[in-house]
């Protein structure tokens, strides 16, 4: 028995007829085979809608958008923006649209009873007025004239005081702790002057009795350098030292004129601590 199938002449005839029919059908109906080429690519433009704008455009843009933006993020590769705001500027606050409110009945309010007023006649009201307000005697002509003169004197006195208050000298108060830079040089020269004169005229009685101490004194200096007044704020406890401080100021005046400043100052008040030290030395602090 053969291992291959046996092909008879009838099988060859059937195969030949079948192949012939296929060839004739392709010729009659125009059936053919061809390689299909891919469709050509149409160029497109991808533009991103940006909602904000950066003041400085980027040097190298990764995408095209309606406005320039400086992007950010946490990735190394450029990615298409997916958030509504991708620039470093805040998004403008949108307006709030009107929300339709549902109609409803007003909140019920409990009715309150109003007090009822009773009417009364004009004669009754007039009688009540006379009863509540006692009759006062009317002033005579002489009393009216005296009152008018008194009011005129008071008005004149008030006007005089107002003018005197407006003409008062403008004062400035400085001390060692609260001195302004405009008067720093003036105070330095003022202290040097009183210390020099005070040491030259140190009281002999205080030196002989070995009396020493300190006092706080305010000296008011006018614009021309003269002394208006001297006030001892805190005495030393020894009249010889207090008198010596006052005498030193009188010997040192007149002082240099006050310096020009931003505010017009007529009198400068200088508050200092006067120290009479052992050994006959005067220090002004």
Protein backbone atom coordinates (compact mmCIF):
# COMPACT_ATOMS: atom_id res chain seq x y z
CA UNK A 1 0.00 0.00 0.00
CA UNK A 2 1.39 3.45 -1.10
CA UNK A 3 1.92 6.26 1.58
CA UNK A 4 0.86 9.08 -0.85
CA UNK A 5 -2.75 9.54 -2.07
CA UNK A 6 -3.40 8.45 -5.63
CA UNK A 7 -4.41 11.21 -8.08
CA UNK A 8 -6.62 10.01 -10.87
CA UNK A 9 -7.17 11.68 -14.25
CA UNK A 10 -10.64 12.73 -13.08
CA UNK A 11 -9.10 14.69 -10.19
CA UNK A 12 -6.79 16.50 -12.57
CA UNK A 13 -9.72 17.40 -14.80
CA UNK A 14 -11.73 18.86 -11.90
CA UNK A 15 -8.81 20.94 -10.67
CA UNK A 16 -8.16 22.27 -14.16
CA UNK A 17 -11.82 23.23 -14.65
CA UNK A 18 -11.96 25.00 -11.23
CA UNK A 19 -8.79 27.07 -11.92
CA UNK A 20 -10.09 27.94 -15.38
CA UNK A 21 -13.40 29.18 -13.97
CA UNK A 22 -11.61 31.43 -11.41
CA UNK A 23 -9.39 32.96 -14.11
CA UNK A 24 -12.34 33.64 -16.42
CA UNK A 25 -14.35 35.17 -13.54
CA UNK A 26 -11.51 37.57 -12.67
CA UNK A 27 -11.28 38.63 -16.33
CA UNK A 28 -15.04 39.05 -16.72
CA UNK A 29 -15.76 40.92 -13.47
CA UNK A 30 -12.47 42.94 -13.37
CA UNK A 31 -11.31 41.59 -10.01
CA UNK A 32 -7.72 42.37 -9.20
CA UNK A 33 -5.28 42.83 -6.27
CA UNK A 34 -3.22 45.98 -5.41
CA UNK A 35 -1.23 47.40 -2.43
CA UNK A 36 -3.22 50.17 -0.65
CA UNK A 37 -1.06 53.30 0.09
CA UNK A 38 -1.74 55.13 3.43
CA UNK A 39 -3.81 58.31 3.28
CA UNK A 40 -1.77 61.55 3.26
CA UNK A 41 -1.53 63.45 6.59
CA UNK A 42 -3.30 66.81 6.68
CA UNK A 43 -1.32 69.50 8.69
CA UNK A 44 -3.12 70.66 11.85
CA UNK A 45 -2.49 73.51 14.38
CA UNK A 46 -2.92 72.78 18.10
CA UNK A 47 -3.57 76.01 20.06
CA UNK A 48 -4.14 76.03 23.87
CA UNK A 49 -6.74 78.40 25.32
CA UNK A 50 -4.97 80.36 28.11
CA UNK A 51 -6.98 82.23 30.73
CA UNK A 52 -4.16 84.38 32.15
CA UNK A 53 -1.21 86.31 30.74
CA UNK A 54 2.39 86.58 32.00
CA UNK A 55 4.09 89.98 31.76
CA UNK A 56 7.33 88.41 30.40
CA UNK A 57 7.01 85.92 27.49
CA UNK A 58 9.13 82.72 27.69
CA UNK A 59 12.33 82.49 25.64
CA UNK A 60 11.52 79.03 24.26
CA UNK A 61 7.83 78.08 24.13
CA UNK A 62 6.80 74.42 24.33
CA UNK A 63 3.23 75.01 23.11
CA UNK A 64 1.19 77.59 21.23
CA UNK A 65 -1.47 79.49 23.20
CA UNK A 66 -3.68 82.55 22.94
CA UNK A 67 -1.37 84.52 25.28
CA UNK A 68 2.16 84.21 26.64
CA UNK A 69 2.63 82.39 29.95
CA UNK A 70 5.51 81.33 32.15
CA UNK A 71 4.72 77.71 32.94
CA UNK A 72 5.71 75.70 35.97
CA UNK A 73 5.29 72.26 37.44
CA UNK A 74 7.19 69.33 38.91
CA UNK A 75 8.07 67.32 35.75
CA UNK A 76 11.27 67.58 33.68
CA UNK A 77 9.53 67.06 30.31
CA UNK A 78 7.18 69.66 28.83
CA UNK A 79 3.55 68.58 29.20
CA UNK A 80 0.34 70.05 27.91
CA UNK A 81 -1.32 72.28 30.54
CA UNK A 82 -4.33 70.62 32.13
CA UNK A 83 -5.27 73.14 34.82
CA UNK A 84 -7.49 76.21 34.24
CA UNK A 85 -4.61 78.49 35.34
CA UNK A 86 -1.06 77.61 34.33
CA UNK A 87 0.68 80.97 34.74
CA UNK A 88 2.26 82.47 37.85
CA UNK A 89 -0.40 85.21 38.00
CA UNK A 90 -3.63 84.76 39.96
CA UNK A 91 -6.81 84.24 38.03
CA UNK A 92 -9.20 87.23 38.16
CA UNK A 93 -12.14 86.70 40.46
CA UNK A 94 -15.23 86.04 38.30
CA UNK A 95 -18.39 87.94 38.91
CA UNK A 96 -21.20 86.49 40.97
CA UNK A 97 -24.36 85.89 38.96
CA UNK A 98 -27.70 86.76 40.46
CA UNK A 99 -29.34 83.78 42.11
CA UNK A 100 -33.07 83.58 41.90
CA UNK A 101 -34.61 83.41 45.36
CA UNK A 102 -37.69 81.32 45.94
CA UNK A 103 -40.79 83.22 46.85
CA UNK A 104 -42.07 82.76 50.34
CA UNK A 105 -44.38 84.28 52.86
CA UNK A 106 -42.98 86.93 55.26
CA UNK A 107 -42.13 85.94 58.79
CA UNK A 108 -45.12 86.47 61.03
CA UNK A 109 -44.68 89.18 63.66
CA UNK A 110 -46.65 89.24 66.84
CA UNK A 111 -48.89 92.28 67.01
CA UNK A 112 -48.32 94.67 69.89
CA UNK A 113 -50.97 96.74 71.52
CA UNK A 114 -50.52 100.49 71.09
CA UNK A 115 -51.32 102.72 74.04
CA UNK A 116 -54.50 104.67 73.64
CA UNK A 117 -54.23 108.39 74.33
CA UNK A 118 -57.23 110.29 75.48
CA UNK A 119 -57.76 113.79 74.21
CA UNK A 120 -58.26 116.67 76.56
CA UNK A 121 -59.33 120.19 76.02
CA UNK A 122 -57.09 123.23 75.56
CA UNK A 123 -58.34 124.71 78.81
CA UNK A 124 -57.18 121.63 80.74
CA UNK A 125 -53.71 121.75 79.15
CA UNK A 126 -53.36 125.46 79.92
CA UNK A 127 -54.32 124.87 83.54
CA UNK A 128 -51.79 122.07 83.87
CA UNK A 129 -49.04 124.27 82.37
CA UNK A 130 -49.75 127.04 84.82
CA UNK A 131 -49.77 124.59 87.71
CA UNK A 132 -46.43 123.01 86.73
CA UNK A 133 -44.64 126.31 85.83
CA UNK A 134 -44.79 128.89 88.60
CA UNK A 135 -45.14 132.54 87.68
CA UNK A 136 -41.79 134.37 87.79
CA UNK A 137 -41.48 138.12 88.12
CA UNK A 138 -40.31 139.92 84.98
CA UNK A 139 -37.09 141.96 85.26
CA UNK A 140 -37.48 145.72 85.11
CA UNK A 141 -35.68 148.09 82.75
CA UNK A 142 -32.77 148.80 85.09
CA UNK A 143 -32.07 145.13 85.66
CA UNK A 144 -32.12 144.48 81.90
CA UNK A 145 -29.58 147.29 81.33
CA UNK A 146 -27.28 145.90 84.05
CA UNK A 147 -27.46 142.42 82.56
CA UNK A 148 -26.62 143.78 79.11
CA UNK A 149 -23.61 145.67 80.49
CA UNK A 150 -22.42 142.57 82.35
CA UNK A 151 -22.67 140.45 79.17
CA UNK A 152 -20.72 143.09 77.24
CA UNK A 153 -17.97 143.11 79.89
CA UNK A 154 -17.77 139.30 79.79
CA UNK A 155 -17.56 139.29 76.00
CA UNK A 156 -14.76 141.87 76.07
CA UNK A 157 -12.88 139.87 78.73
CA UNK A 158 -13.18 136.65 76.70
CA UNK A 159 -11.90 138.39 73.57
CA UNK A 160 -8.99 139.90 75.51
CA UNK A 161 -8.03 136.50 76.91
CA UNK A 162 -8.25 134.94 73.46
CA UNK A 163 -5.94 137.58 71.99
CA UNK A 164 -3.50 137.20 74.88
CA UNK A 165 -3.50 133.42 74.43
CA UNK A 166 -2.82 133.80 70.70
CA UNK A 167 0.08 136.20 71.37
CA UNK A 168 1.75 133.94 73.93
CA UNK A 169 5.34 133.00 73.03
CA UNK A 170 5.90 129.54 71.59
CA UNK A 171 7.95 127.46 73.97
CA UNK A 172 10.15 124.40 73.47
CA UNK A 173 11.25 122.04 76.28
CA UNK A 174 14.46 119.99 75.95
CA UNK A 175 16.62 118.09 78.41
CA UNK A 176 19.60 115.80 78.45
CA UNK A 177 17.40 112.76 77.76
CA UNK A 178 14.94 114.33 75.30
CA UNK A 179 16.88 116.76 73.16
CA UNK A 180 16.24 117.26 69.48
CA UNK A 181 18.97 117.22 66.87
CA UNK A 182 18.23 120.84 65.92
CA UNK A 183 19.28 121.99 69.42
CA UNK A 184 22.07 119.44 70.07
CA UNK A 185 24.91 121.82 69.19
CA UNK A 186 23.24 124.69 71.04
CA UNK A 187 22.88 122.64 74.22
CA UNK A 188 26.50 121.45 73.99
CA UNK A 189 27.74 125.04 73.81
CA UNK A 190 25.33 126.11 76.56
CA UNK A 191 26.60 123.38 78.93
CA UNK A 192 30.24 124.23 78.22
CA UNK A 193 29.56 127.90 79.01
CA UNK A 194 27.82 127.35 82.36
CA UNK A 195 30.39 124.73 83.47
CA UNK A 196 33.29 127.08 82.73
CA UNK A 197 31.72 130.02 84.53
CA UNK A 198 30.48 127.81 87.38
CA UNK A 199 33.93 126.37 88.05
CA UNK A 200 35.50 129.83 87.97
CA UNK A 201 32.91 131.11 90.45
CA UNK A 202 32.51 128.04 92.66
CA UNK A 203 30.99 129.09 96.03
CA UNK A 204 33.71 129.51 98.72
CA UNK A 205 31.28 128.61 101.50
CA UNK A 206 30.52 125.23 99.90
CA UNK A 207 34.21 124.56 99.38
CA UNK A 208 35.06 125.56 102.96
CA UNK A 209 32.27 123.50 104.51
CA UNK A 210 32.88 120.63 102.05
CA UNK A 211 29.23 120.67 100.97
CA UNK A 212 28.37 118.78 97.80
CA UNK A 213 25.14 117.58 96.13
CA UNK A 214 23.02 117.93 93.01
CA UNK A 215 19.89 119.74 91.91
CA UNK A 216 17.58 119.81 88.87
CA UNK A 217 16.97 123.25 87.35
CA UNK A 218 15.11 124.56 84.27
CA UNK A 219 16.36 127.69 82.51
CA UNK A 220 14.07 129.49 80.02
CA UNK A 221 16.13 131.21 77.28
CA UNK A 222 14.53 133.73 74.94
CA UNK A 223 15.28 133.84 71.23
CA UNK A 224 17.81 136.63 71.69
CA UNK A 225 19.73 134.62 74.34
CA UNK A 226 18.47 136.41 77.45
CA UNK A 227 17.08 134.44 80.40
CA UNK A 228 13.35 134.75 81.01
CA UNK A 229 13.13 132.72 84.23
CA UNK A 230 14.92 130.11 86.34
CA UNK A 231 13.01 127.33 88.14
CA UNK A 232 14.55 124.83 90.56
CA UNK A 233 12.63 121.59 89.95
CA UNK A 234 14.44 119.50 92.59
CA UNK A 235 16.54 121.38 95.18
CA UNK A 236 19.81 119.99 96.51
CA UNK A 237 18.94 120.50 100.15
CA UNK A 238 21.64 123.15 100.57
CA UNK A 239 20.62 126.76 99.83
CA UNK A 240 24.26 127.68 99.14
CA UNK A 241 24.33 125.22 96.18
CA UNK A 242 20.92 126.32 94.83
CA UNK A 243 21.93 129.99 94.99
CA UNK A 244 25.27 129.20 93.34
CA UNK A 245 23.51 127.50 90.38
CA UNK A 246 21.18 130.48 89.88
CA UNK A 247 24.08 132.95 90.17
CA UNK A 248 26.07 130.94 87.57
CA UNK A 249 23.23 131.25 85.02
CA UNK A 250 22.94 135.00 85.65
CA UNK A 251 26.69 135.42 85.18
CA UNK A 252 26.64 133.39 81.94
CA UNK A 253 23.84 135.31 80.24
CA UNK A 254 23.24 136.49 77.62
CA UNK A 255 23.60 133.18 75.78
CA UNK A 256 23.90 132.89 71.98
CA UNK A 257 20.62 133.41 70.07
CA UNK A 258 18.45 130.34 69.50
CA UNK A 259 19.10 128.42 66.25
CA UNK A 260 16.61 128.45 63.42
CA UNK A 261 14.31 125.41 63.45
CA UNK A 262 11.36 124.01 61.54
CA UNK A 263 8.89 125.25 64.15
CA UNK A 264 9.03 128.85 65.36
CA UNK A 265 10.25 128.75 69.00
CA UNK A 266 10.31 131.95 71.06
CA UNK A 267 11.50 130.51 74.39
CA UNK A 268 13.65 127.40 74.89
CA UNK A 269 13.36 125.61 78.27
CA UNK A 270 16.54 123.69 79.16
CA UNK A 271 16.28 121.22 82.05
CA UNK A 272 19.61 119.93 83.40
CA UNK A 273 21.07 118.28 86.50
CA UNK A 274 23.67 120.41 88.28
CA UNK A 275 26.27 118.39 90.25
CA UNK A 276 28.50 120.07 92.84
CA UNK A 277 31.19 117.43 93.35
CA UNK A 278 33.84 117.17 96.10
CA UNK A 279 36.94 119.17 95.34
CA UNK A 280 35.07 122.24 94.07
CA UNK A 281 34.04 120.83 90.65
CA UNK A 282 30.74 121.67 88.87
CA UNK A 283 29.29 119.26 86.31
CA UNK A 284 26.14 119.78 84.27
CA UNK A 285 24.34 116.61 83.24
